[in-house]
Amino acid sequence: CRQCGAPIEKRLYFTGVCPYCRGSDLFAKVISGNRFYSISG
């Protein structure tokens, strides 16, 4: 979460709301094996 920095595990990318601060501005990292896909603006 870009607002409070809480780590959140999600399967469907980065949609949803932070369960801690209720913010929706999330920074996602898609993990697949030894490869890393960054999702950001």
PDB file of all heavy atoms in Angstrom:
ATOM      1  N   CYS A   1       0.848  -1.188   0.000  1.00  0.00           N
ATOM      2  CA  CYS A   1       0.000   0.000   0.000  1.00  0.00           C
ATOM      3  C   CYS A   1       0.885   1.240   0.000  1.00  0.00           C
ATOM      4  O   CYS A   1       1.801   1.372   0.826  1.00  0.00           O
ATOM      5  CB  CYS A   1      -0.913  -0.004   1.222  1.00  0.00           C
ATOM      6  SG  CYS A   1      -1.959   1.465   1.345  1.00  0.00           S
ATOM      7  N   ARG A   2       0.651   2.146  -0.928  1.00  0.00           N
ATOM      8  CA  ARG A   2       1.461   3.351  -1.011  1.00  0.00           C
ATOM      9  C   ARG A   2       1.161   4.332   0.129  1.00  0.00           C
ATOM     10  O   ARG A   2       1.948   5.237   0.387  1.00  0.00           O
ATOM     11  CB  ARG A   2       1.218   4.049  -2.352  1.00  0.00           C
ATOM     12  CG  ARG A   2       1.867   3.353  -3.547  1.00  0.00           C
ATOM     13  CD  ARG A   2       1.955   4.297  -4.729  1.00  0.00           C
ATOM     14  NE  ARG A   2       2.597   3.681  -5.870  1.00  0.00           N
ATOM     15  CZ  ARG A   2       1.964   3.123  -6.898  1.00  0.00           C
ATOM     16  NH1 ARG A   2       0.647   3.096  -6.900  1.00  0.00           N
ATOM     17  NH2 ARG A   2       2.624   2.587  -7.898  1.00  0.00           N
ATOM     18  N   GLN A   3       0.046   4.135   0.801  1.00  0.00           N
ATOM     19  CA  GLN A   3      -0.336   5.064   1.863  1.00  0.00           C
ATOM     20  C   GLN A   3       0.239   4.658   3.211  1.00  0.00           C
ATOM     21  O   GLN A   3       0.768   5.494   3.947  1.00  0.00           O
ATOM     22  CB  GLN A   3      -1.865   5.182   1.943  1.00  0.00           C
ATOM     23  CG  GLN A   3      -2.478   5.810   0.699  1.00  0.00           C
ATOM     24  CD  GLN A   3      -3.974   5.999   0.834  1.00  0.00           C
ATOM     25  OE1 GLN A   3      -4.535   5.916   1.924  1.00  0.00           O
ATOM     26  NE2 GLN A   3      -4.639   6.262  -0.294  1.00  0.00           N
ATOM     27  N   CYS A   4       0.156   3.327   3.520  1.00  0.00           N
ATOM     28  CA  CYS A   4       0.650   2.895   4.830  1.00  0.00           C
ATOM     29  C   CYS A   4       1.807   1.903   4.742  1.00  0.00           C
ATOM     30  O   CYS A   4       2.406   1.561   5.761  1.00  0.00           O
ATOM     31  CB  CYS A   4      -0.486   2.284   5.656  1.00  0.00           C
ATOM     32  SG  CYS A   4      -1.107   0.707   5.005  1.00  0.00           S
ATOM     33  N   GLY A   5       2.107   1.407   3.535  1.00  0.00           N
ATOM     34  CA  GLY A   5       3.240   0.493   3.347  1.00  0.00           C
ATOM     35  C   GLY A   5       2.970  -0.933   3.741  1.00  0.00           C
ATOM     36  O   GLY A   5       3.898  -1.746   3.812  1.00  0.00           O
ATOM     37  N   ALA A   6       1.728  -1.297   4.014  1.00  0.00           N
ATOM     38  CA  ALA A   6       1.402  -2.653   4.445  1.00  0.00           C
ATOM     39  C   ALA A   6       1.562  -3.640   3.289  1.00  0.00           C
ATOM     40  O   ALA A   6       1.138  -3.347   2.175  1.00  0.00           O
ATOM     41  CB  ALA A   6      -0.027  -2.705   4.977  1.00  0.00           C
ATOM     42  N   PRO A   7       2.181  -4.817   3.533  1.00  0.00           N
ATOM     43  CA  PRO A   7       2.272  -5.845   2.478  1.00  0.00           C
ATOM     44  C   PRO A   7       0.964  -6.624   2.375  1.00  0.00           C
ATOM     45  O   PRO A   7       0.372  -7.005   3.380  1.00  0.00           O
ATOM     46  CB  PRO A   7       3.417  -6.737   2.964  1.00  0.00           C
ATOM     47  CG  PRO A   7       3.376  -6.614   4.458  1.00  0.00           C
ATOM     48  CD  PRO A   7       2.879  -5.216   4.766  1.00  0.00           C
ATOM     49  N   ILE A   8       0.514  -6.868   1.157  1.00  0.00           N
ATOM     50  CA  ILE A   8      -0.751  -7.554   0.928  1.00  0.00           C
ATOM     51  C   ILE A   8      -0.531  -8.588  -0.173  1.00  0.00           C
ATOM     52  O   ILE A   8      -0.002  -8.257  -1.224  1.00  0.00           O
ATOM     53  CB  ILE A   8      -1.857  -6.570   0.481  1.00  0.00           C
ATOM     54  CG1 ILE A   8      -1.950  -5.397   1.453  1.00  0.00           C
ATOM     55  CG2 ILE A   8      -3.201  -7.267   0.361  1.00  0.00           C
ATOM     56  CD1 ILE A   8      -2.673  -4.213   0.884  1.00  0.00           C
ATOM     57  N   GLU A   9      -0.950  -9.814   0.052  1.00  0.00           N
ATOM     58  CA  GLU A   9      -0.857 -10.850  -0.970  1.00  0.00           C
ATOM     59  C   GLU A   9      -2.187 -10.966  -1.676  1.00  0.00           C
ATOM     60  O   GLU A   9      -3.228 -11.119  -1.040  1.00  0.00           O
ATOM     61  CB  GLU A   9      -0.472 -12.195  -0.367  1.00  0.00           C
ATOM     62  CG  GLU A   9       1.004 -12.339  -0.097  1.00  0.00           C
ATOM     63  CD  GLU A   9       1.422 -13.793   0.057  1.00  0.00           C
ATOM     64  OE1 GLU A   9       0.573 -14.672  -0.165  1.00  0.00           O
ATOM     65  OE2 GLU A   9       2.591 -14.024   0.383  1.00  0.00           O
ATOM     66  N   LYS A  10      -2.154 -10.881  -3.004  1.00  0.00           N
ATOM     67  CA  LYS A  10      -3.370 -11.014  -3.789  1.00  0.00           C
ATOM     68  C   LYS A  10      -3.077 -11.865  -5.021  1.00  0.00           C
ATOM     69  O   LYS A  10      -1.989 -11.798  -5.583  1.00  0.00           O
ATOM     70  CB  LYS A  10      -3.917  -9.651  -4.227  1.00  0.00           C
ATOM     71  CG  LYS A  10      -4.342  -8.763  -3.064  1.00  0.00           C
ATOM     72  CD  LYS A  10      -5.052  -7.528  -3.551  1.00  0.00           C
ATOM     73  CE  LYS A  10      -6.397  -7.862  -4.158  1.00  0.00           C
ATOM     74  NZ  LYS A  10      -7.319  -8.474  -3.234  1.00  0.00           N
ATOM     75  N   ARG A  11      -4.031 -12.647  -5.434  1.00  0.00           N
ATOM     76  CA  ARG A  11      -3.857 -13.468  -6.624  1.00  0.00           C
ATOM     77  C   ARG A  11      -4.276 -12.707  -7.871  1.00  0.00           C
ATOM     78  O   ARG A  11      -3.667 -12.838  -8.927  1.00  0.00           O
ATOM     79  CB  ARG A  11      -4.667 -14.761  -6.502  1.00  0.00           C
ATOM     80  CG  ARG A  11      -4.571 -15.655  -7.726  1.00  0.00           C
ATOM     81  CD  ARG A  11      -5.181 -17.003  -7.457  1.00  0.00           C
ATOM     82  NE  ARG A  11      -4.401 -17.737  -6.495  1.00  0.00           N
ATOM     83  CZ  ARG A  11      -3.317 -18.450  -6.799  1.00  0.00           C
ATOM     84  NH1 ARG A  11      -2.882 -18.502  -8.040  1.00  0.00           N
ATOM     85  NH2 ARG A  11      -2.653 -19.111  -5.883  1.00  0.00           N
ATOM     86  N   LEU A  12      -5.314 -11.907  -7.795  1.00  0.00           N
ATOM     87  CA  LEU A  12      -5.819 -11.197  -8.964  1.00  0.00           C
ATOM     88  C   LEU A  12      -5.190  -9.814  -9.047  1.00  0.00           C
ATOM     89  O   LEU A  12      -5.829  -8.793  -8.782  1.00  0.00           O
ATOM     90  CB  LEU A  12      -7.349 -11.089  -8.906  1.00  0.00           C
ATOM     91  CG  LEU A  12      -8.085 -12.425  -8.945  1.00  0.00           C
ATOM     92  CD1 LEU A  12      -9.572 -12.218  -8.790  1.00  0.00           C
ATOM     93  CD2 LEU A  12      -7.795 -13.149 -10.244  1.00  0.00           C
ATOM     94  N   TYR A  13      -3.907  -9.790  -9.374  1.00  0.00           N
ATOM     95  CA  TYR A  13      -3.154  -8.547  -9.542  1.00  0.00           C
ATOM     96  C   TYR A  13      -3.253  -7.679  -8.298  1.00  0.00           C
ATOM     97  O   TYR A  13      -3.079  -8.127  -7.194  1.00  0.00           O
ATOM     98  CB  TYR A  13      -3.606  -7.784 -10.797  1.00  0.00           C
ATOM     99  CG  TYR A  13      -3.248  -8.516 -12.058  1.00  0.00           C
ATOM    100  CD1 TYR A  13      -4.205  -9.154 -12.817  1.00  0.00           C
ATOM    101  CD2 TYR A  13      -1.926  -8.586 -12.463  1.00  0.00           C
ATOM    102  CE1 TYR A  13      -3.874  -9.828 -13.963  1.00  0.00           C
ATOM    103  CE2 TYR A  13      -1.584  -9.267 -13.607  1.00  0.00           C
ATOM    104  CZ  TYR A  13      -2.552  -9.885 -14.367  1.00  0.00           C
ATOM    105  OH  TYR A  13      -2.209 -10.564 -15.495  1.00  0.00           O
ATOM    106  N   PHE A  14      -3.610  -6.425  -8.454  1.00  0.00           N
ATOM    107  CA  PHE A  14      -3.519  -5.463  -7.368  1.00  0.00           C
ATOM    108  C   PHE A  14      -4.851  -4.760  -7.117  1.00  0.00           C
ATOM    109  O   PHE A  14      -4.902  -3.703  -6.535  1.00  0.00           O
ATOM    110  CB  PHE A  14      -2.468  -4.411  -7.703  1.00  0.00           C
ATOM    111  CG  PHE A  14      -2.594  -3.888  -9.107  1.00  0.00           C
ATOM    112  CD1 PHE A  14      -3.345  -2.773  -9.393  1.00  0.00           C
ATOM    113  CD2 PHE A  14      -1.975  -4.550 -10.157  1.00  0.00           C
ATOM    114  CE1 PHE A  14      -3.466  -2.317 -10.686  1.00  0.00           C
ATOM    115  CE2 PHE A  14      -2.094  -4.085 -11.458  1.00  0.00           C
ATOM    116  CZ  PHE A  14      -2.846  -2.971 -11.725  1.00  0.00           C
ATOM    117  N   THR A  15      -5.956  -5.330  -7.622  1.00  0.00           N
ATOM    118  CA  THR A  15      -7.262  -4.706  -7.394  1.00  0.00           C
ATOM    119  C   THR A  15      -7.687  -4.910  -5.947  1.00  0.00           C
ATOM    120  O   THR A  15      -7.331  -5.894  -5.306  1.00  0.00           O
ATOM    121  CB  THR A  15      -8.329  -5.307  -8.311  1.00  0.00           C
ATOM    122  OG1 THR A  15      -8.389  -6.710  -8.083  1.00  0.00           O
ATOM    123  CG2 THR A  15      -7.989  -5.047  -9.766  1.00  0.00           C
ATOM    124  N   GLY A  16      -8.445  -4.005  -5.426  1.00  0.00           N
ATOM    125  CA  GLY A  16      -8.950  -4.148  -4.072  1.00  0.00           C
ATOM    126  C   GLY A  16      -8.583  -2.972  -3.191  1.00  0.00           C
ATOM    127  O   GLY A  16      -8.070  -1.954  -3.650  1.00  0.00           O
ATOM    128  N   VAL A  17      -8.819  -3.155  -1.910  1.00  0.00           N
ATOM    129  CA  VAL A  17      -8.615  -2.081  -0.925  1.00  0.00           C
ATOM    130  C   VAL A  17      -7.707  -2.618   0.162  1.00  0.00           C
ATOM    131  O   VAL A  17      -7.798  -3.767   0.581  1.00  0.00           O
ATOM    132  CB  VAL A  17      -9.971  -1.636  -0.335  1.00  0.00           C
ATOM    133  CG1 VAL A  17      -9.763  -0.570   0.738  1.00  0.00           C
ATOM    134  CG2 VAL A  17     -10.880  -1.101  -1.435  1.00  0.00           C
ATOM    135  N   CYS A  18      -6.808  -1.767   0.652  1.00  0.00           N
ATOM    136  CA  CYS A  18      -5.903  -2.143   1.734  1.00  0.00           C
ATOM    137  C   CYS A  18      -6.718  -2.433   2.990  1.00  0.00           C
ATOM    138  O   CYS A  18      -7.527  -1.590   3.423  1.00  0.00           O
ATOM    139  CB  CYS A  18      -4.908  -1.011   1.995  1.00  0.00           C
ATOM    140  SG  CYS A  18      -3.837  -1.300   3.431  1.00  0.00           S
ATOM    141  N   PRO A  19      -6.553  -3.602   3.619  1.00  0.00           N
ATOM    142  CA  PRO A  19      -7.353  -3.932   4.805  1.00  0.00           C
ATOM    143  C   PRO A  19      -6.932  -3.159   6.055  1.00  0.00           C
ATOM    144  O   PRO A  19      -7.612  -3.230   7.072  1.00  0.00           O
ATOM    145  CB  PRO A  19      -7.114  -5.435   4.978  1.00  0.00           C
ATOM    146  CG  PRO A  19      -5.776  -5.672   4.365  1.00  0.00           C
ATOM    147  CD  PRO A  19      -5.665  -4.698   3.232  1.00  0.00           C
ATOM    148  N   TYR A  20      -5.817  -2.427   5.970  1.00  0.00           N
ATOM    149  CA  TYR A  20      -5.314  -1.711   7.138  1.00  0.00           C
ATOM    150  C   TYR A  20      -5.751  -0.248   7.143  1.00  0.00           C
ATOM    151  O   TYR A  20      -6.343   0.236   8.118  1.00  0.00           O
ATOM    152  CB  TYR A  20      -3.784  -1.811   7.194  1.00  0.00           C
ATOM    153  CG  TYR A  20      -3.299  -3.237   7.266  1.00  0.00           C
ATOM    154  CD1 TYR A  20      -2.894  -3.912   6.118  1.00  0.00           C
ATOM    155  CD2 TYR A  20      -3.263  -3.920   8.481  1.00  0.00           C
ATOM    156  CE1 TYR A  20      -2.458  -5.238   6.166  1.00  0.00           C
ATOM    157  CE2 TYR A  20      -2.832  -5.241   8.545  1.00  0.00           C
ATOM    158  CZ  TYR A  20      -2.429  -5.891   7.391  1.00  0.00           C
ATOM    159  OH  TYR A  20      -2.008  -7.192   7.445  1.00  0.00           O
ATOM    160  N   CYS A  21      -5.459   0.465   6.056  1.00  0.00           N
ATOM    161  CA  CYS A  21      -5.818   1.881   6.014  1.00  0.00           C
ATOM    162  C   CYS A  21      -6.977   2.157   5.074  1.00  0.00           C
ATOM    163  O   CYS A  21      -7.373   3.315   4.905  1.00  0.00           O
ATOM    164  CB  CYS A  21      -4.609   2.725   5.623  1.00  0.00           C
ATOM    165  SG  CYS A  21      -4.097   2.498   3.890  1.00  0.00           S
ATOM    166  N   ARG A  22      -7.514   1.140   4.457  1.00  0.00           N
ATOM    167  CA  ARG A  22      -8.637   1.216   3.520  1.00  0.00           C
ATOM    168  C   ARG A  22      -8.292   2.001   2.260  1.00  0.00           C
ATOM    169  O   ARG A  22      -9.170   2.412   1.509  1.00  0.00           O
ATOM    170  CB  ARG A  22      -9.884   1.851   4.185  1.00  0.00           C
ATOM    171  CG  ARG A  22     -10.269   1.219   5.513  1.00  0.00           C
ATOM    172  CD  ARG A  22     -10.417  -0.280   5.403  1.00  0.00           C
ATOM    173  NE  ARG A  22     -11.482  -0.658   4.470  1.00  0.00           N
ATOM    174  CZ  ARG A  22     -11.740  -1.916   4.107  1.00  0.00           C
ATOM    175  NH1 ARG A  22     -10.988  -2.908   4.576  1.00  0.00           N
ATOM    176  NH2 ARG A  22     -12.711  -2.174   3.253  1.00  0.00           N
ATOM    177  N   GLY A  23      -7.006   2.213   1.995  1.00  0.00           N
ATOM    178  CA  GLY A  23      -6.594   2.893   0.777  1.00  0.00           C
ATOM    179  C   GLY A  23      -6.576   1.913  -0.386  1.00  0.00           C
ATOM    180  O   GLY A  23      -6.530   0.688  -0.209  1.00  0.00           O
ATOM    181  N   SER A  24      -6.609   2.445  -1.604  1.00  0.00           N
ATOM    182  CA  SER A  24      -6.632   1.590  -2.795  1.00  0.00           C
ATOM    183  C   SER A  24      -5.448   1.855  -3.716  1.00  0.00           C
ATOM    184  O   SER A  24      -5.406   1.326  -4.822  1.00  0.00           O
ATOM    185  CB  SER A  24      -7.945   1.813  -3.572  1.00  0.00           C
ATOM    186  OG  SER A  24      -8.039   3.162  -3.988  1.00  0.00           O
ATOM    187  N   ASP A  25      -4.511   2.662  -3.278  1.00  0.00           N
ATOM    188  CA  ASP A  25      -3.345   2.979  -4.101  1.00  0.00           C
ATOM    189  C   ASP A  25      -2.255   1.961  -3.781  1.00  0.00           C
ATOM    190  O   ASP A  25      -1.467   2.139  -2.851  1.00  0.00           O
ATOM    191  CB  ASP A  25      -2.874   4.405  -3.816  1.00  0.00           C
ATOM    192  CG  ASP A  25      -1.819   4.876  -4.818  1.00  0.00           C
ATOM    193  OD1 ASP A  25      -1.596   4.155  -5.815  1.00  0.00           O
ATOM    194  OD2 ASP A  25      -1.217   5.931  -4.594  1.00  0.00           O
ATOM    195  N   LEU A  26      -2.223   0.859  -4.541  1.00  0.00           N
ATOM    196  CA  LEU A  26      -1.313  -0.241  -4.232  1.00  0.00           C
ATOM    197  C   LEU A  26      -0.215  -0.341  -5.287  1.00  0.00           C
ATOM    198  O   LEU A  26      -0.419  -0.035  -6.451  1.00  0.00           O
ATOM    199  CB  LEU A  26      -2.082  -1.570  -4.175  1.00  0.00           C
ATOM    200  CG  LEU A  26      -3.295  -1.620  -3.243  1.00  0.00           C
ATOM    201  CD1 LEU A  26      -3.916  -3.007  -3.301  1.00  0.00           C
ATOM    202  CD2 LEU A  26      -2.905  -1.267  -1.824  1.00  0.00           C
ATOM    203  N   PHE A  27       0.953  -0.797  -4.853  1.00  0.00           N
ATOM    204  CA  PHE A  27       2.076  -1.071  -5.749  1.00  0.00           C
ATOM    205  C   PHE A  27       2.253  -2.578  -5.804  1.00  0.00           C
ATOM    206  O   PHE A  27       2.438  -3.218  -4.770  1.00  0.00           O
ATOM    207  CB  PHE A  27       3.343  -0.402  -5.223  1.00  0.00           C
ATOM    208  CG  PHE A  27       4.579  -0.731  -6.017  1.00  0.00           C
ATOM    209  CD1 PHE A  27       4.846  -0.078  -7.212  1.00  0.00           C
ATOM    210  CD2 PHE A  27       5.461  -1.707  -5.583  1.00  0.00           C
ATOM    211  CE1 PHE A  27       5.979  -0.378  -7.944  1.00  0.00           C
ATOM    212  CE2 PHE A  27       6.595  -2.010  -6.325  1.00  0.00           C
ATOM    213  CZ  PHE A  27       6.851  -1.344  -7.499  1.00  0.00           C
ATOM    214  N   ALA A  28       2.162  -3.165  -6.991  1.00  0.00           N
ATOM    215  CA  ALA A  28       2.119  -4.622  -7.110  1.00  0.00           C
ATOM    216  C   ALA A  28       3.407  -5.187  -7.689  1.00  0.00           C
ATOM    217  O   ALA A  28       4.038  -4.588  -8.549  1.00  0.00           O
ATOM    218  CB  ALA A  28       0.946  -5.045  -7.978  1.00  0.00           C
ATOM    219  N   LYS A  29       3.774  -6.347  -7.220  1.00  0.00           N
ATOM    220  CA  LYS A  29       4.907  -7.102  -7.746  1.00  0.00           C
ATOM    221  C   LYS A  29       4.407  -8.507  -8.078  1.00  0.00           C
ATOM    222  O   LYS A  29       4.011  -9.245  -7.187  1.00  0.00           O
ATOM    223  CB  LYS A  29       6.037  -7.197  -6.721  1.00  0.00           C
ATOM    224  CG  LYS A  29       6.531  -5.858  -6.199  1.00  0.00           C
ATOM    225  CD  LYS A  29       7.515  -6.066  -5.062  1.00  0.00           C
ATOM    226  CE  LYS A  29       7.951  -4.734  -4.462  1.00  0.00           C
ATOM    227  NZ  LYS A  29       8.856  -4.944  -3.311  1.00  0.00           N
ATOM    228  N   VAL A  30       4.410  -8.854  -9.338  1.00  0.00           N
ATOM    229  CA  VAL A  30       3.953 -10.179  -9.759  1.00  0.00           C
ATOM    230  C   VAL A  30       5.139 -11.126  -9.734  1.00  0.00           C
ATOM    231  O   VAL A  30       6.124 -10.906 -10.432  1.00  0.00           O
ATOM    232  CB  VAL A  30       3.333 -10.130 -11.164  1.00  0.00           C
ATOM    233  CG1 VAL A  30       2.828 -11.506 -11.572  1.00  0.00           C
ATOM    234  CG2 VAL A  30       2.176  -9.132 -11.181  1.00  0.00           C
ATOM    235  N   ILE A  31       5.061 -12.168  -8.951  1.00  0.00           N
ATOM    236  CA  ILE A  31       6.167 -13.106  -8.788  1.00  0.00           C
ATOM    237  C   ILE A  31       5.871 -14.372  -9.582  1.00  0.00           C
ATOM    238  O   ILE A  31       4.806 -14.969  -9.438  1.00  0.00           O
ATOM    239  CB  ILE A  31       6.371 -13.469  -7.306  1.00  0.00           C
ATOM    240  CG1 ILE A  31       6.477 -12.191  -6.460  1.00  0.00           C
ATOM    241  CG2 ILE A  31       7.603 -14.336  -7.134  1.00  0.00           C
ATOM    242  CD1 ILE A  31       7.634 -11.306  -6.844  1.00  0.00           C
ATOM    243  N   SER A  32       6.808 -14.780 -10.424  1.00  0.00           N
ATOM    244  CA  SER A  32       6.659 -16.025 -11.186  1.00  0.00           C
ATOM    245  C   SER A  32       8.006 -16.693 -11.286  1.00  0.00           C
ATOM    246  O   SER A  32       8.845 -16.317 -12.089  1.00  0.00           O
ATOM    247  CB  SER A  32       6.104 -15.744 -12.586  1.00  0.00           C
ATOM    248  OG  SER A  32       6.051 -16.937 -13.323  1.00  0.00           O
ATOM    249  N   GLY A  33       8.221 -17.674 -10.424  1.00  0.00           N
ATOM    250  CA  GLY A  33       9.516 -18.365 -10.446  1.00  0.00           C
ATOM    251  C   GLY A  33      10.632 -17.420 -10.060  1.00  0.00           C
ATOM    252  O   GLY A  33      10.578 -16.708  -9.060  1.00  0.00           O
ATOM    253  N   ASN A  34      11.668 -17.383 -10.885  1.00  0.00           N
ATOM    254  CA  ASN A  34      12.800 -16.506 -10.632  1.00  0.00           C
ATOM    255  C   ASN A  34      12.642 -15.161 -11.312  1.00  0.00           C
ATOM    256  O   ASN A  34      13.575 -14.366 -11.325  1.00  0.00           O
ATOM    257  CB  ASN A  34      14.095 -17.174 -11.124  1.00  0.00           C
ATOM    258  CG  ASN A  34      14.397 -18.437 -10.350  1.00  0.00           C
ATOM    259  OD1 ASN A  34      14.143 -18.505  -9.156  1.00  0.00           O
ATOM    260  ND2 ASN A  34      14.928 -19.448 -11.032  1.00  0.00           N
ATOM    261  N   ARG A  35      11.453 -14.899 -11.889  1.00  0.00           N
ATOM    262  CA  ARG A  35      11.250 -13.652 -12.609  1.00  0.00           C
ATOM    263  C   ARG A  35      10.327 -12.733 -11.832  1.00  0.00           C
ATOM    264  O   ARG A  35       9.479 -13.160 -11.062  1.00  0.00           O
ATOM    265  CB  ARG A  35      10.679 -13.936 -14.003  1.00  0.00           C
ATOM    266  CG  ARG A  35      11.694 -14.599 -14.897  1.00  0.00           C
ATOM    267  CD  ARG A  35      11.617 -14.024 -16.283  1.00  0.00           C
ATOM    268  NE  ARG A  35      10.346 -14.308 -16.912  1.00  0.00           N
ATOM    269  CZ  ARG A  35      10.044 -15.482 -17.437  1.00  0.00           C
ATOM    270  NH1 ARG A  35      10.896 -16.461 -17.390  1.00  0.00           N
ATOM    271  NH2 ARG A  35       8.879 -15.677 -18.011  1.00  0.00           N
ATOM    272  N   PHE A  36      10.487 -11.465 -12.066  1.00  0.00           N
ATOM    273  CA  PHE A  36       9.770 -10.457 -11.310  1.00  0.00           C
ATOM    274  C   PHE A  36       9.155  -9.461 -12.277  1.00  0.00           C
ATOM    275  O   PHE A  36       9.837  -8.916 -13.131  1.00  0.00           O
ATOM    276  CB  PHE A  36      10.755  -9.766 -10.368  1.00  0.00           C
ATOM    277  CG  PHE A  36      10.262  -8.462  -9.816  1.00  0.00           C
ATOM    278  CD1 PHE A  36       9.297  -8.443  -8.836  1.00  0.00           C
ATOM    279  CD2 PHE A  36      10.767  -7.261 -10.277  1.00  0.00           C
ATOM    280  CE1 PHE A  36       8.855  -7.241  -8.326  1.00  0.00           C
ATOM    281  CE2 PHE A  36      10.327  -6.065  -9.774  1.00  0.00           C
ATOM    282  CZ  PHE A  36       9.371  -6.058  -8.792  1.00  0.00           C
ATOM    283  N   TYR A  37       7.847  -9.254 -12.159  1.00  0.00           N
ATOM    284  CA  TYR A  37       7.151  -8.286 -12.997  1.00  0.00           C
ATOM    285  C   TYR A  37       6.696  -7.132 -12.125  1.00  0.00           C
ATOM    286  O   TYR A  37       5.937  -7.323 -11.180  1.00  0.00           O
ATOM    287  CB  TYR A  37       5.937  -8.927 -13.683  1.00  0.00           C
ATOM    288  CG  TYR A  37       6.287 -10.096 -14.552  1.00  0.00           C
ATOM    289  CD1 TYR A  37       6.141 -11.387 -14.091  1.00  0.00           C
ATOM    290  CD2 TYR A  37       6.790  -9.909 -15.835  1.00  0.00           C
ATOM    291  CE1 TYR A  37       6.471 -12.472 -14.879  1.00  0.00           C
ATOM    292  CE2 TYR A  37       7.119 -10.991 -16.630  1.00  0.00           C
ATOM    293  CZ  TYR A  37       6.952 -12.262 -16.140  1.00  0.00           C
ATOM    294  OH  TYR A  37       7.280 -13.335 -16.920  1.00  0.00           O
ATOM    295  N   SER A  38       7.179  -5.949 -12.440  1.00  0.00           N
ATOM    296  CA  SER A  38       6.831  -4.772 -11.661  1.00  0.00           C
ATOM    297  C   SER A  38       5.602  -4.095 -12.261  1.00  0.00           C
ATOM    298  O   SER A  38       5.527  -3.901 -13.467  1.00  0.00           O
ATOM    299  CB  SER A  38       8.003  -3.784 -11.639  1.00  0.00           C
ATOM    300  OG  SER A  38       7.613  -2.574 -11.044  1.00  0.00           O
ATOM    301  N   ILE A  39       4.659  -3.747 -11.416  1.00  0.00           N
ATOM    302  CA  ILE A  39       3.470  -3.032 -11.850  1.00  0.00           C
ATOM    303  C   ILE A  39       3.452  -1.698 -11.111  1.00  0.00           C
ATOM    304  O   ILE A  39       3.266  -1.658  -9.899  1.00  0.00           O
ATOM    305  CB  ILE A  39       2.179  -3.810 -11.546  1.00  0.00           C
ATOM    306  CG1 ILE A  39       2.243  -5.200 -12.165  1.00  0.00           C
ATOM    307  CG2 ILE A  39       0.955  -3.060 -12.035  1.00  0.00           C
ATOM    308  CD1 ILE A  39       1.055  -6.054 -11.856  1.00  0.00           C
ATOM    309  N   SER A  40       3.678  -0.627 -11.814  1.00  0.00           N
ATOM    310  CA  SER A  40       3.710   0.690 -11.181  1.00  0.00           C
ATOM    311  C   SER A  40       3.354   1.736 -12.215  1.00  0.00           C
ATOM    312  O   SER A  40       3.185   1.449 -13.393  1.00  0.00           O
ATOM    313  CB  SER A  40       5.095   0.967 -10.593  1.00  0.00           C
ATOM    314  OG  SER A  40       6.037   1.139 -11.630  1.00  0.00           O
ATOM    315  N   GLY A  41       3.276   2.976 -11.754  1.00  0.00           N
ATOM    316  CA  GLY A  41       2.963   4.063 -12.669  1.00  0.00           C
ATOM    317  C   GLY A  41       4.183   4.703 -13.268  1.00  0.00           C
ATOM    318  O   GLY A  41       4.073   5.647 -14.035  1.00  0.00           O
TER     319      GLY A  41
END
